[in-house]
Every structure is written in C-alpha cells, then in structure tokens.
C-alpha cells in the first residue's frame, strides 16, 4: 500500500514525512513517499496534502504541478482516503478568501475566512496548543477524547455551511473549525506531526482507515 504525501513547495515536509513513515512501520501500512509527481499521486492508495502558506499560492502550485487533477482522479473517481493538513485542509473547501477569492477542491461545504476572535486580546495567527472539542465520532479520531491538546498555526479557518461536516472544533474567542470530514476525506487544521502522541494516534488511525 502506498501513501503519497504531496510536495508542492508549501513548507518543510520533513517532520510530516518522518511521522507518517514511523506510524506506517508501526501499523504495517505499507510505504510512505513524498512526491511532486502527479502520476504517483493518481495511483496512490492514500493521499496526504499538507501545507503552510497562503491559500491562493498553494492552490496555484497544486494546479501547475498537475497534482490537483491527480487528487481529484484518485479521491473522487477511485475513492482513495484523503487527509488534508493545515492549508491542505483549507483547500478542501469550496472557496478561500485569503488575499483574493480562490476556488478550492469543493470537497467540504464551507469557505475559508480570517479568524476573528471575539476577545480582542487574542492574537491572530492562532498559534500554539489548544484543546479539541469533538462534535461527532469518526474512525480517524478513535481513542481521542475532547480536551486532548493539538498544535495549531493559522490565521484563517474553515467556516462551515454544512455543520454536519465539522467533526471537531477548538475555542479561540469562539468556535474554530479543527477537523472536517466527508466520505473518504478528512482534514485537520492543526499539525498532527507536531501534536505529540495524540497526533501520532490520529496518523495511525488514518493509515488504518478503510472508509
């Protein structure tokens, strides 16, 4: 089984690569590769889309590499499990509003907008550890409870038009979307590879997930 972590020059992938490789070995889940090749993404058994940076630049880089269409082929046509992380999760939305309106993958019924905490003392970006509030069960969150801490770094969040697709949130001057899911697709706004044992458990769950 092949898990492809997509490299579209959106940040340092080293920590994500090491975390997924470690958990693939521990769970017997095959091979993990970091790739910018659309043909590898198209035939992968699982796809991980990480990302740091601005929504429009990340969407443009994915389209230019051919990986955007390869993801659609693998996930929509072949039903392959997909995990988006940080901006990778945001790209699952219908549209992003960072700098300019930009179309996303349209896999989750929501739009990406700047975080606006009700408490003026809370700074943006939302950076650091925060606790999850799990709103509905999901196999990728097996063994994870509300109150577990995960690591966030972001200025924009997914504003849901379909609340049923929000799996978990956190509180940052109001509810901030933390996990979204629909069908064979799930997204984390936080970085599981930087979230200690809780994040590693989620990575292992994803690698074992058979939607």
N, C-alpha and C. Protein backbone atom coordinates (compact mmCIF):
# COMPACT_ATOMS: atom_id res chain seq x y z
N UNK A 1 0.85 -1.19 0.00
CA UNK A 1 0.00 0.00 0.00
C UNK A 1 0.88 1.24 0.00
N UNK A 2 0.54 2.20 -0.82
CA UNK A 2 1.34 3.41 -0.99
C UNK A 2 0.57 4.63 -0.49
N UNK A 3 1.18 5.36 0.45
CA UNK A 3 0.66 6.64 0.90
C UNK A 3 1.53 7.74 0.32
N UNK A 4 0.91 8.65 -0.43
CA UNK A 4 1.64 9.75 -1.06
C UNK A 4 1.40 11.04 -0.29
N UNK A 5 2.49 11.65 0.19
CA UNK A 5 2.44 12.99 0.78
C UNK A 5 2.85 13.96 -0.32
N UNK A 6 1.95 14.87 -0.67
CA UNK A 6 2.19 15.73 -1.83
C UNK A 6 3.11 16.89 -1.46
N UNK A 7 4.15 17.04 -2.25
CA UNK A 7 5.11 18.14 -2.11
C UNK A 7 4.84 19.17 -3.20
N UNK A 8 4.31 20.32 -2.80
CA UNK A 8 4.07 21.39 -3.77
C UNK A 8 4.75 22.68 -3.30
N UNK A 9 5.90 22.47 -2.63
CA UNK A 9 6.75 23.56 -2.16
C UNK A 9 6.00 24.51 -1.24
N UNK A 10 5.20 23.92 -0.34
CA UNK A 10 4.40 24.74 0.58
C UNK A 10 4.95 24.73 1.99
N UNK A 11 6.17 24.27 2.18
CA UNK A 11 6.76 24.26 3.51
C UNK A 11 7.64 23.04 3.71
N UNK A 12 8.26 22.97 4.86
CA UNK A 12 9.16 21.86 5.19
C UNK A 12 8.33 20.63 5.52
N UNK A 13 8.50 19.58 4.75
CA UNK A 13 7.71 18.37 4.92
C UNK A 13 8.43 17.33 5.77
N UNK A 14 9.62 17.65 6.25
CA UNK A 14 10.44 16.64 6.90
C UNK A 14 9.74 16.00 8.10
N UNK A 15 9.15 16.83 8.98
CA UNK A 15 8.52 16.29 10.18
C UNK A 15 7.30 15.45 9.83
N UNK A 16 6.51 15.88 8.84
CA UNK A 16 5.35 15.08 8.42
C UNK A 16 5.80 13.75 7.83
N UNK A 17 6.81 13.80 6.98
CA UNK A 17 7.32 12.57 6.37
C UNK A 17 7.76 11.57 7.43
N UNK A 18 8.54 12.03 8.41
CA UNK A 18 9.05 11.14 9.45
C UNK A 18 7.92 10.58 10.29
N UNK A 19 6.93 11.40 10.63
CA UNK A 19 5.81 10.93 11.45
C UNK A 19 5.00 9.87 10.73
N UNK A 20 4.70 10.10 9.46
CA UNK A 20 3.91 9.12 8.70
C UNK A 20 4.70 7.85 8.45
N UNK A 21 5.98 7.96 8.19
CA UNK A 21 6.80 6.77 8.00
C UNK A 21 6.87 5.94 9.28
N UNK A 22 7.03 6.60 10.41
CA UNK A 22 7.09 5.90 11.69
C UNK A 22 5.80 5.13 11.95
N UNK A 23 4.66 5.79 11.75
CA UNK A 23 3.40 5.13 12.05
C UNK A 23 3.03 4.08 10.99
N UNK A 24 3.47 4.27 9.75
CA UNK A 24 3.25 3.24 8.74
C UNK A 24 4.00 1.98 9.10
N UNK A 25 5.22 2.15 9.62
CA UNK A 25 6.00 0.99 10.03
C UNK A 25 5.35 0.30 11.23
N UNK A 26 4.88 1.08 12.20
CA UNK A 26 4.28 0.51 13.40
C UNK A 26 2.95 -0.18 13.13
N UNK A 27 2.21 0.29 12.14
CA UNK A 27 0.89 -0.28 11.84
C UNK A 27 0.92 -1.25 10.67
N UNK A 28 2.08 -1.43 10.06
CA UNK A 28 2.16 -2.31 8.90
C UNK A 28 1.36 -1.80 7.71
N UNK A 29 1.44 -0.49 7.49
CA UNK A 29 0.59 0.16 6.48
C UNK A 29 1.32 0.50 5.20
N UNK A 30 2.35 -0.24 4.86
CA UNK A 30 2.99 -0.06 3.58
C UNK A 30 4.02 1.05 3.56
N UNK A 31 4.12 1.70 2.40
CA UNK A 31 5.18 2.67 2.13
C UNK A 31 4.63 4.08 2.09
N UNK A 32 5.42 5.03 2.62
CA UNK A 32 5.09 6.44 2.57
C UNK A 32 6.14 7.15 1.73
N UNK A 33 5.70 7.93 0.74
CA UNK A 33 6.63 8.69 -0.09
C UNK A 33 6.17 10.15 -0.15
N UNK A 34 7.14 11.05 -0.21
CA UNK A 34 6.87 12.45 -0.51
C UNK A 34 7.12 12.66 -1.99
N UNK A 35 6.13 13.22 -2.70
CA UNK A 35 6.25 13.30 -4.15
C UNK A 35 5.60 14.56 -4.70
N UNK A 36 6.17 15.05 -5.81
CA UNK A 36 5.53 16.13 -6.56
C UNK A 36 5.08 15.63 -7.93
N UNK A 37 5.04 14.30 -8.10
CA UNK A 37 4.69 13.70 -9.38
C UNK A 37 3.21 13.34 -9.44
N UNK A 38 2.50 13.94 -10.37
CA UNK A 38 1.06 13.70 -10.49
C UNK A 38 0.74 12.24 -10.73
N UNK A 39 1.60 11.54 -11.49
CA UNK A 39 1.31 10.15 -11.80
C UNK A 39 1.39 9.26 -10.56
N UNK A 40 2.25 9.60 -9.60
CA UNK A 40 2.34 8.83 -8.36
C UNK A 40 1.12 9.13 -7.48
N UNK A 41 0.73 10.39 -7.42
CA UNK A 41 -0.46 10.77 -6.65
C UNK A 41 -1.70 10.04 -7.19
N UNK A 42 -1.82 9.98 -8.51
CA UNK A 42 -3.01 9.38 -9.12
C UNK A 42 -3.16 7.90 -8.79
N UNK A 43 -2.05 7.20 -8.58
CA UNK A 43 -2.14 5.76 -8.33
C UNK A 43 -1.94 5.40 -6.85
N UNK A 44 -1.78 6.40 -5.99
CA UNK A 44 -1.57 6.13 -4.57
C UNK A 44 -2.82 5.53 -3.94
N UNK A 45 -2.60 4.75 -2.87
CA UNK A 45 -3.71 4.16 -2.12
C UNK A 45 -4.27 5.13 -1.09
N UNK A 46 -3.43 6.05 -0.63
CA UNK A 46 -3.84 7.10 0.31
C UNK A 46 -3.10 8.37 -0.06
N UNK A 47 -3.74 9.50 0.19
CA UNK A 47 -3.14 10.78 -0.17
C UNK A 47 -3.17 11.70 1.03
N UNK A 48 -2.03 12.36 1.29
CA UNK A 48 -1.92 13.36 2.35
C UNK A 48 -1.50 14.67 1.70
N UNK A 49 -2.27 15.72 1.97
CA UNK A 49 -1.96 17.05 1.45
C UNK A 49 -1.66 17.97 2.62
N UNK A 50 -0.37 18.17 2.94
CA UNK A 50 -0.01 19.12 3.99
C UNK A 50 0.04 20.52 3.41
N UNK A 51 0.54 21.48 4.18
CA UNK A 51 0.69 22.81 3.60
C UNK A 51 0.84 23.91 4.61
N UNK A 52 1.71 24.84 4.30
CA UNK A 52 1.84 26.11 5.02
C UNK A 52 1.86 27.20 3.96
N UNK A 53 1.28 28.34 4.29
CA UNK A 53 1.29 29.43 3.33
C UNK A 53 -0.10 29.89 2.97
N UNK A 54 -0.20 30.70 1.93
CA UNK A 54 -1.45 31.33 1.54
C UNK A 54 -2.26 30.43 0.61
N UNK A 55 -3.57 30.43 0.81
CA UNK A 55 -4.49 29.60 0.03
C UNK A 55 -4.31 29.78 -1.48
N UNK A 56 -4.28 31.03 -2.02
CA UNK A 56 -4.17 31.16 -3.48
C UNK A 56 -2.87 30.60 -4.03
N UNK A 57 -1.76 30.85 -3.35
CA UNK A 57 -0.47 30.36 -3.84
C UNK A 57 -0.41 28.84 -3.80
N UNK A 58 -0.96 28.24 -2.75
CA UNK A 58 -0.96 26.78 -2.65
C UNK A 58 -1.85 26.15 -3.73
N UNK A 59 -3.02 26.73 -3.95
CA UNK A 59 -3.91 26.21 -4.98
C UNK A 59 -3.26 26.32 -6.36
N UNK A 60 -2.59 27.45 -6.62
CA UNK A 60 -1.93 27.65 -7.92
C UNK A 60 -0.80 26.65 -8.12
N UNK A 61 -0.01 26.41 -7.07
CA UNK A 61 1.11 25.47 -7.18
C UNK A 61 0.61 24.05 -7.44
N UNK A 62 -0.48 23.67 -6.78
CA UNK A 62 -1.04 22.33 -7.00
C UNK A 62 -1.52 22.16 -8.43
N UNK A 63 -2.19 23.18 -8.94
CA UNK A 63 -2.70 23.09 -10.32
C UNK A 63 -1.54 23.05 -11.31
N UNK A 64 -0.51 23.84 -11.08
CA UNK A 64 0.62 23.89 -12.01
C UNK A 64 1.36 22.57 -12.07
N UNK A 65 1.41 21.84 -10.94
CA UNK A 65 2.15 20.57 -10.91
C UNK A 65 1.36 19.41 -11.49
N UNK A 66 0.06 19.61 -11.68
CA UNK A 66 -0.80 18.52 -12.12
C UNK A 66 -1.36 17.70 -10.98
N UNK A 67 -0.90 17.98 -9.75
CA UNK A 67 -1.35 17.19 -8.61
C UNK A 67 -2.81 17.47 -8.24
N UNK A 68 -3.30 18.65 -8.56
CA UNK A 68 -4.69 19.00 -8.27
C UNK A 68 -5.62 18.02 -9.00
N UNK A 69 -5.41 17.84 -10.30
CA UNK A 69 -6.24 16.92 -11.09
C UNK A 69 -5.99 15.47 -10.67
N UNK A 70 -4.74 15.15 -10.30
CA UNK A 70 -4.43 13.78 -9.88
C UNK A 70 -5.15 13.44 -8.59
N UNK A 71 -5.25 14.39 -7.67
CA UNK A 71 -6.01 14.16 -6.44
C UNK A 71 -7.48 13.90 -6.73
N UNK A 72 -8.03 14.69 -7.63
CA UNK A 72 -9.44 14.51 -7.99
C UNK A 72 -9.66 13.13 -8.58
N UNK A 73 -8.76 12.69 -9.44
CA UNK A 73 -8.88 11.36 -10.02
C UNK A 73 -8.83 10.28 -8.94
N UNK A 74 -7.86 10.38 -8.06
CA UNK A 74 -7.67 9.35 -7.03
C UNK A 74 -8.81 9.35 -6.01
N UNK A 75 -9.22 10.52 -5.57
CA UNK A 75 -10.18 10.61 -4.47
C UNK A 75 -11.62 10.51 -4.97
N UNK A 76 -11.96 11.26 -6.01
CA UNK A 76 -13.34 11.25 -6.49
C UNK A 76 -13.64 10.02 -7.33
N UNK A 77 -12.74 9.65 -8.22
CA UNK A 77 -13.02 8.54 -9.15
C UNK A 77 -12.71 7.18 -8.54
N UNK A 78 -11.65 7.12 -7.69
CA UNK A 78 -11.21 5.83 -7.16
C UNK A 78 -11.49 5.67 -5.67
N UNK A 79 -12.02 6.71 -5.03
CA UNK A 79 -12.42 6.59 -3.63
C UNK A 79 -11.28 6.40 -2.66
N UNK A 80 -10.11 6.95 -2.95
CA UNK A 80 -8.96 6.79 -2.07
C UNK A 80 -9.08 7.69 -0.84
N UNK A 81 -8.71 7.21 0.34
CA UNK A 81 -8.73 8.04 1.53
C UNK A 81 -7.78 9.23 1.39
N UNK A 82 -8.24 10.38 1.88
CA UNK A 82 -7.51 11.64 1.74
C UNK A 82 -7.45 12.32 3.09
N UNK A 83 -6.27 12.89 3.42
CA UNK A 83 -6.09 13.70 4.62
C UNK A 83 -5.46 15.02 4.25
N UNK A 84 -6.15 16.12 4.57
CA UNK A 84 -5.59 17.45 4.39
C UNK A 84 -5.13 18.00 5.73
N UNK A 85 -3.96 18.64 5.76
CA UNK A 85 -3.40 19.19 6.99
C UNK A 85 -3.14 20.68 6.81
N UNK A 86 -3.65 21.49 7.75
CA UNK A 86 -3.46 22.94 7.76
C UNK A 86 -4.03 23.55 6.47
N UNK A 87 -3.22 24.18 5.63
CA UNK A 87 -3.74 24.71 4.37
C UNK A 87 -4.27 23.58 3.50
N UNK A 88 -3.70 22.39 3.64
CA UNK A 88 -4.22 21.23 2.91
C UNK A 88 -5.67 20.94 3.26
N UNK A 89 -6.04 21.15 4.53
CA UNK A 89 -7.45 21.03 4.91
C UNK A 89 -8.27 22.16 4.31
N UNK A 90 -7.73 23.38 4.37
CA UNK A 90 -8.49 24.52 3.85
C UNK A 90 -8.78 24.39 2.36
N UNK A 91 -7.87 23.77 1.62
CA UNK A 91 -8.08 23.58 0.19
C UNK A 91 -9.22 22.62 -0.12
N UNK A 92 -9.71 21.89 0.89
CA UNK A 92 -10.87 21.03 0.69
C UNK A 92 -12.16 21.84 0.55
N UNK A 93 -12.13 23.12 0.92
CA UNK A 93 -13.32 23.97 0.90
C UNK A 93 -13.74 24.33 -0.52
N UNK A 94 -14.92 24.89 -0.62
CA UNK A 94 -15.38 25.38 -1.93
C UNK A 94 -14.57 26.58 -2.38
N UNK A 95 -14.19 27.43 -1.41
CA UNK A 95 -13.52 28.69 -1.79
C UNK A 95 -12.73 29.23 -0.61
N UNK A 96 -11.64 29.90 -0.92
CA UNK A 96 -10.87 30.60 0.10
C UNK A 96 -10.90 32.09 -0.15
N UNK A 97 -10.77 32.88 0.93
CA UNK A 97 -10.83 34.33 0.83
C UNK A 97 -9.58 34.97 1.42
N UNK A 98 -8.44 34.35 1.22
CA UNK A 98 -7.17 34.92 1.67
C UNK A 98 -6.56 35.69 0.51
N UNK A 99 -6.46 37.00 0.63
CA UNK A 99 -5.98 37.92 -0.40
C UNK A 99 -6.99 38.10 -1.53
N UNK A 100 -7.47 37.00 -2.10
CA UNK A 100 -8.44 37.08 -3.20
C UNK A 100 -9.28 35.81 -3.21
N UNK A 101 -10.54 35.87 -3.68
CA UNK A 101 -11.35 34.66 -3.74
C UNK A 101 -10.71 33.63 -4.67
N UNK A 102 -10.56 32.41 -4.17
CA UNK A 102 -9.90 31.35 -4.93
C UNK A 102 -10.67 30.05 -4.73
N UNK A 103 -10.96 29.36 -5.82
CA UNK A 103 -11.68 28.10 -5.72
C UNK A 103 -10.80 27.01 -5.11
N UNK A 104 -11.41 26.20 -4.25
CA UNK A 104 -10.74 25.04 -3.70
C UNK A 104 -11.22 23.78 -4.38
N UNK A 105 -11.04 22.65 -3.71
CA UNK A 105 -11.44 21.36 -4.26
C UNK A 105 -12.95 21.15 -4.21
N UNK A 106 -13.63 21.84 -3.30
CA UNK A 106 -15.08 21.69 -3.20
C UNK A 106 -15.51 20.39 -2.55
N UNK A 107 -14.65 19.79 -1.73
CA UNK A 107 -14.99 18.52 -1.08
C UNK A 107 -15.70 18.71 0.24
N UNK A 108 -15.64 19.91 0.80
CA UNK A 108 -16.32 20.22 2.05
C UNK A 108 -17.12 21.50 1.82
N UNK A 109 -18.34 21.52 2.37
CA UNK A 109 -19.24 22.64 2.14
C UNK A 109 -18.93 23.76 3.13
N UNK A 110 -17.91 24.55 2.76
CA UNK A 110 -17.51 25.67 3.61
C UNK A 110 -16.60 26.59 2.85
N UNK A 111 -16.29 27.74 3.46
CA UNK A 111 -15.38 28.71 2.86
C UNK A 111 -14.35 29.11 3.91
N UNK A 112 -13.17 29.47 3.45
CA UNK A 112 -12.05 29.79 4.34
C UNK A 112 -11.97 31.30 4.51
N UNK A 113 -12.08 31.74 5.76
CA UNK A 113 -12.07 33.17 6.07
C UNK A 113 -11.15 33.43 7.28
N UNK A 114 -10.73 34.67 7.42
CA UNK A 114 -9.82 35.04 8.51
C UNK A 114 -10.48 34.81 9.87
N UNK A 115 -9.69 34.32 10.81
CA UNK A 115 -10.18 34.15 12.17
C UNK A 115 -10.46 35.53 12.78
N UNK A 116 -11.60 35.67 13.43
CA UNK A 116 -11.97 36.93 14.08
C UNK A 116 -12.42 36.64 15.51
N UNK A 117 -11.46 36.51 16.44
CA UNK A 117 -11.83 36.19 17.83
C UNK A 117 -12.69 37.28 18.44
N UNK A 118 -13.65 36.88 19.26
CA UNK A 118 -14.49 37.86 19.95
C UNK A 118 -13.71 38.62 21.01
N UNK A 119 -12.66 37.99 21.53
CA UNK A 119 -11.81 38.60 22.55
C UNK A 119 -10.65 39.32 21.85
N UNK A 120 -10.61 40.65 21.94
CA UNK A 120 -9.58 41.44 21.25
C UNK A 120 -8.17 41.14 21.76
N UNK A 121 -8.06 40.54 22.93
CA UNK A 121 -6.74 40.20 23.46
C UNK A 121 -6.13 38.99 22.78
N UNK A 122 -6.93 38.23 22.06
CA UNK A 122 -6.43 37.05 21.36
C UNK A 122 -5.84 37.46 20.02
N UNK A 123 -4.62 37.09 19.80
CA UNK A 123 -3.91 37.50 18.59
C UNK A 123 -4.15 36.51 17.44
N UNK A 124 -4.05 37.03 16.24
CA UNK A 124 -4.06 36.22 15.03
C UNK A 124 -2.71 36.40 14.36
N UNK A 125 -1.98 35.32 14.04
CA UNK A 125 -2.47 33.94 13.94
C UNK A 125 -2.72 33.26 15.28
N UNK A 126 -3.59 32.27 15.22
CA UNK A 126 -3.83 31.33 16.32
C UNK A 126 -2.66 30.37 16.31
N UNK A 127 -1.81 30.46 17.31
CA UNK A 127 -0.56 29.70 17.30
C UNK A 127 -0.33 29.05 18.65
N UNK A 128 -0.12 27.75 18.64
CA UNK A 128 0.20 27.02 19.86
C UNK A 128 -0.79 25.91 20.13
N UNK A 129 -0.73 25.39 21.35
CA UNK A 129 -1.56 24.26 21.76
C UNK A 129 -2.96 24.71 22.12
N UNK A 130 -3.94 23.93 21.70
CA UNK A 130 -5.33 24.18 22.08
C UNK A 130 -6.03 22.84 22.18
N UNK A 131 -7.12 22.82 22.94
CA UNK A 131 -7.79 21.53 23.16
C UNK A 131 -8.93 21.33 22.17
N UNK A 132 -9.06 20.09 21.75
CA UNK A 132 -10.11 19.71 20.81
C UNK A 132 -11.44 19.52 21.53
N UNK A 133 -12.49 19.92 20.85
CA UNK A 133 -13.85 19.59 21.27
C UNK A 133 -14.45 18.72 20.17
N UNK A 134 -14.55 17.45 20.44
CA UNK A 134 -15.04 16.51 19.42
C UNK A 134 -16.55 16.59 19.36
N UNK A 135 -17.08 16.85 18.18
CA UNK A 135 -18.51 17.09 18.00
C UNK A 135 -19.23 15.87 17.44
N UNK A 136 -18.49 14.98 16.79
CA UNK A 136 -19.09 13.72 16.33
C UNK A 136 -17.97 12.70 16.15
N UNK A 137 -18.35 11.44 16.25
CA UNK A 137 -17.36 10.38 16.16
C UNK A 137 -16.86 10.21 14.74
N UNK A 138 -15.62 9.74 14.62
CA UNK A 138 -15.02 9.45 13.32
C UNK A 138 -13.91 8.44 13.55
N UNK A 139 -13.74 7.45 12.64
CA UNK A 139 -12.71 6.44 12.85
C UNK A 139 -11.30 7.01 13.00
N UNK A 140 -11.01 8.14 12.36
CA UNK A 140 -9.67 8.71 12.45
C UNK A 140 -9.43 9.36 13.81
N UNK A 141 -10.49 9.56 14.58
CA UNK A 141 -10.36 10.10 15.94
C UNK A 141 -10.55 9.03 17.00
N UNK A 142 -10.53 7.75 16.61
CA UNK A 142 -10.66 6.68 17.60
C UNK A 142 -9.57 6.80 18.67
N UNK A 143 -9.97 6.69 19.92
CA UNK A 143 -9.02 6.78 21.02
C UNK A 143 -8.69 8.20 21.43
N UNK A 144 -9.30 9.20 20.77
CA UNK A 144 -9.07 10.62 21.08
C UNK A 144 -10.31 11.17 21.77
N UNK A 145 -10.11 11.92 22.84
CA UNK A 145 -11.21 12.48 23.61
C UNK A 145 -11.20 14.00 23.56
N UNK A 146 -12.36 14.60 23.78
CA UNK A 146 -12.41 16.06 23.94
C UNK A 146 -11.48 16.47 25.08
N UNK A 147 -10.78 17.58 24.88
CA UNK A 147 -9.83 18.05 25.86
C UNK A 147 -8.39 17.72 25.52
N UNK A 148 -8.19 16.80 24.56
CA UNK A 148 -6.82 16.50 24.13
C UNK A 148 -6.24 17.72 23.42
N UNK A 149 -4.95 17.96 23.61
CA UNK A 149 -4.30 19.14 23.05
C UNK A 149 -3.58 18.82 21.74
N UNK A 150 -3.73 19.71 20.77
CA UNK A 150 -3.03 19.60 19.48
C UNK A 150 -2.47 20.97 19.12
N UNK A 151 -1.58 20.99 18.13
CA UNK A 151 -0.79 22.19 17.85
C UNK A 151 -1.26 22.90 16.58
N UNK A 152 -1.64 24.17 16.72
CA UNK A 152 -2.17 24.98 15.63
C UNK A 152 -1.21 26.09 15.24
N UNK A 153 -1.20 26.44 13.95
CA UNK A 153 -0.55 27.64 13.45
C UNK A 153 -1.35 28.10 12.23
N UNK A 154 -2.25 29.08 12.39
CA UNK A 154 -3.06 29.51 11.25
C UNK A 154 -3.75 30.84 11.54
N UNK A 155 -4.02 31.57 10.47
CA UNK A 155 -4.74 32.84 10.55
C UNK A 155 -6.14 32.76 9.94
N UNK A 156 -6.39 31.70 9.18
CA UNK A 156 -7.68 31.50 8.51
C UNK A 156 -8.28 30.18 8.95
N UNK A 157 -9.61 30.12 8.91
CA UNK A 157 -10.28 28.88 9.30
C UNK A 157 -11.41 28.57 8.33
N UNK A 158 -11.86 27.31 8.38
CA UNK A 158 -12.98 26.88 7.56
C UNK A 158 -14.28 27.27 8.25
N UNK A 159 -15.06 28.12 7.60
CA UNK A 159 -16.39 28.49 8.09
C UNK A 159 -17.39 27.57 7.40
N UNK A 160 -18.08 26.75 8.18
CA UNK A 160 -18.89 25.68 7.62
C UNK A 160 -20.27 26.16 7.18
N UNK A 161 -20.67 25.78 5.98
CA UNK A 161 -22.05 25.95 5.54
C UNK A 161 -22.86 24.71 5.88
N UNK A 162 -22.18 23.57 6.03
CA UNK A 162 -22.85 22.34 6.45
C UNK A 162 -22.20 21.89 7.76
N UNK A 163 -22.80 22.23 8.91
CA UNK A 163 -22.19 21.89 10.20
C UNK A 163 -22.00 20.39 10.39
N UNK A 164 -22.74 19.57 9.67
CA UNK A 164 -22.60 18.12 9.81
C UNK A 164 -21.24 17.63 9.33
N UNK A 165 -20.54 18.46 8.57
CA UNK A 165 -19.21 18.07 8.08
C UNK A 165 -18.09 18.54 9.00
N UNK A 166 -18.43 19.20 10.10
CA UNK A 166 -17.41 19.57 11.09
C UNK A 166 -17.36 18.48 12.15
N UNK A 167 -16.18 17.87 12.30
CA UNK A 167 -16.00 16.76 13.22
C UNK A 167 -15.55 17.24 14.60
N UNK A 168 -14.73 18.28 14.62
CA UNK A 168 -14.23 18.82 15.89
C UNK A 168 -13.90 20.29 15.73
N UNK A 169 -13.86 20.98 16.86
CA UNK A 169 -13.53 22.40 16.88
C UNK A 169 -12.62 22.67 18.07
N UNK A 170 -12.16 23.91 18.17
CA UNK A 170 -11.49 24.38 19.38
C UNK A 170 -12.02 25.77 19.68
N UNK A 171 -11.76 26.25 20.88
CA UNK A 171 -12.24 27.57 21.28
C UNK A 171 -11.09 28.56 21.19
N UNK A 172 -11.28 29.60 20.36
CA UNK A 172 -10.31 30.70 20.29
C UNK A 172 -11.09 31.99 20.08
N UNK A 173 -11.70 32.44 21.16
CA UNK A 173 -12.60 33.58 21.05
C UNK A 173 -13.82 33.26 20.22
N UNK A 174 -14.30 32.03 20.34
CA UNK A 174 -15.36 31.48 19.52
C UNK A 174 -14.91 30.15 18.94
N UNK A 175 -15.86 29.40 18.44
CA UNK A 175 -15.53 28.07 17.89
C UNK A 175 -14.75 28.22 16.59
N UNK A 176 -13.63 27.52 16.52
CA UNK A 176 -12.78 27.48 15.32
C UNK A 176 -12.76 26.05 14.82
N UNK A 177 -13.03 25.86 13.54
CA UNK A 177 -13.05 24.52 12.96
C UNK A 177 -11.69 23.87 13.06
N UNK A 178 -11.65 22.65 13.62
CA UNK A 178 -10.39 21.93 13.80
C UNK A 178 -10.30 20.68 12.94
N UNK A 179 -11.42 19.98 12.74
CA UNK A 179 -11.44 18.76 11.92
C UNK A 179 -12.70 18.78 11.07
N UNK A 180 -12.55 18.49 9.79
CA UNK A 180 -13.69 18.35 8.88
C UNK A 180 -13.63 16.97 8.24
N UNK A 181 -14.78 16.50 7.78
CA UNK A 181 -14.79 15.21 7.11
C UNK A 181 -16.04 15.01 6.28
N UNK A 182 -15.86 14.27 5.19
CA UNK A 182 -16.98 13.93 4.32
C UNK A 182 -16.56 12.75 3.45
N UNK A 183 -17.25 11.65 3.55
CA UNK A 183 -16.91 10.49 2.74
C UNK A 183 -15.54 9.95 3.07
N UNK A 184 -14.70 9.80 2.05
CA UNK A 184 -13.35 9.27 2.24
C UNK A 184 -12.34 10.38 2.55
N UNK A 185 -12.81 11.57 2.87
CA UNK A 185 -11.93 12.74 3.03
C UNK A 185 -12.03 13.28 4.45
N UNK A 186 -10.87 13.60 5.01
CA UNK A 186 -10.84 14.21 6.33
C UNK A 186 -9.74 15.26 6.33
N UNK A 187 -9.92 16.30 7.14
CA UNK A 187 -8.93 17.36 7.21
C UNK A 187 -8.70 17.81 8.64
N UNK A 188 -7.43 18.11 8.97
CA UNK A 188 -7.03 18.65 10.27
C UNK A 188 -6.51 20.07 10.07
N UNK A 189 -7.04 21.04 10.81
CA UNK A 189 -6.47 22.38 10.76
C UNK A 189 -5.14 22.43 11.50
N UNK A 190 -4.98 21.62 12.52
CA UNK A 190 -3.75 21.55 13.31
C UNK A 190 -2.73 20.63 12.62
N UNK A 191 -1.54 20.56 13.20
CA UNK A 191 -0.47 19.72 12.66
C UNK A 191 -0.35 18.45 13.51
N UNK A 192 -0.83 17.31 13.04
CA UNK A 192 -0.71 16.10 13.86
C UNK A 192 0.73 15.69 14.10
N UNK A 193 1.60 15.97 13.13
CA UNK A 193 3.01 15.58 13.27
C UNK A 193 3.73 16.38 14.35
N UNK A 194 3.11 17.48 14.81
CA UNK A 194 3.68 18.30 15.89
C UNK A 194 2.86 18.21 17.17
N UNK A 195 1.93 17.26 17.21
CA UNK A 195 0.97 17.17 18.32
C UNK A 195 1.21 15.97 19.22
N UNK A 196 2.47 15.57 19.36
CA UNK A 196 2.88 14.52 20.30
C UNK A 196 2.08 13.23 20.07
N UNK A 197 1.81 12.50 21.14
CA UNK A 197 1.20 11.18 21.00
C UNK A 197 -0.21 11.24 20.44
N UNK A 198 -0.94 12.33 20.72
CA UNK A 198 -2.30 12.46 20.19
C UNK A 198 -2.27 12.53 18.67
N UNK A 199 -1.37 13.34 18.13
CA UNK A 199 -1.25 13.44 16.68
C UNK A 199 -0.79 12.15 16.04
N UNK A 200 0.13 11.44 16.70
CA UNK A 200 0.61 10.18 16.15
C UNK A 200 -0.51 9.14 16.12
N UNK A 201 -1.39 9.16 17.13
CA UNK A 201 -2.54 8.26 17.14
C UNK A 201 -3.46 8.54 15.96
N UNK A 202 -3.67 9.82 15.65
CA UNK A 202 -4.53 10.17 14.51
C UNK A 202 -3.90 9.73 13.20
N UNK A 203 -2.58 9.89 13.07
CA UNK A 203 -1.90 9.44 11.85
C UNK A 203 -2.05 7.93 11.70
N UNK A 204 -1.85 7.19 12.79
CA UNK A 204 -2.02 5.74 12.74
C UNK A 204 -3.44 5.37 12.36
N UNK A 205 -4.42 6.07 12.94
CA UNK A 205 -5.82 5.80 12.60
C UNK A 205 -6.10 6.04 11.13
N UNK A 206 -5.54 7.12 10.59
CA UNK A 206 -5.74 7.41 9.16
C UNK A 206 -5.16 6.29 8.29
N UNK A 207 -3.97 5.84 8.65
CA UNK A 207 -3.32 4.81 7.85
C UNK A 207 -4.07 3.47 7.91
N UNK A 208 -4.83 3.26 8.97
CA UNK A 208 -5.63 2.02 9.12
C UNK A 208 -7.04 2.17 8.61
N UNK A 209 -7.44 3.40 8.33
CA UNK A 209 -8.84 3.70 7.97
C UNK A 209 -9.23 3.02 6.67
N UNK A 210 -10.38 2.35 6.68
CA UNK A 210 -10.91 1.70 5.48
C UNK A 210 -12.33 2.21 5.22
N UNK A 211 -12.44 3.44 4.70
CA UNK A 211 -13.79 4.02 4.51
C UNK A 211 -14.57 3.31 3.39
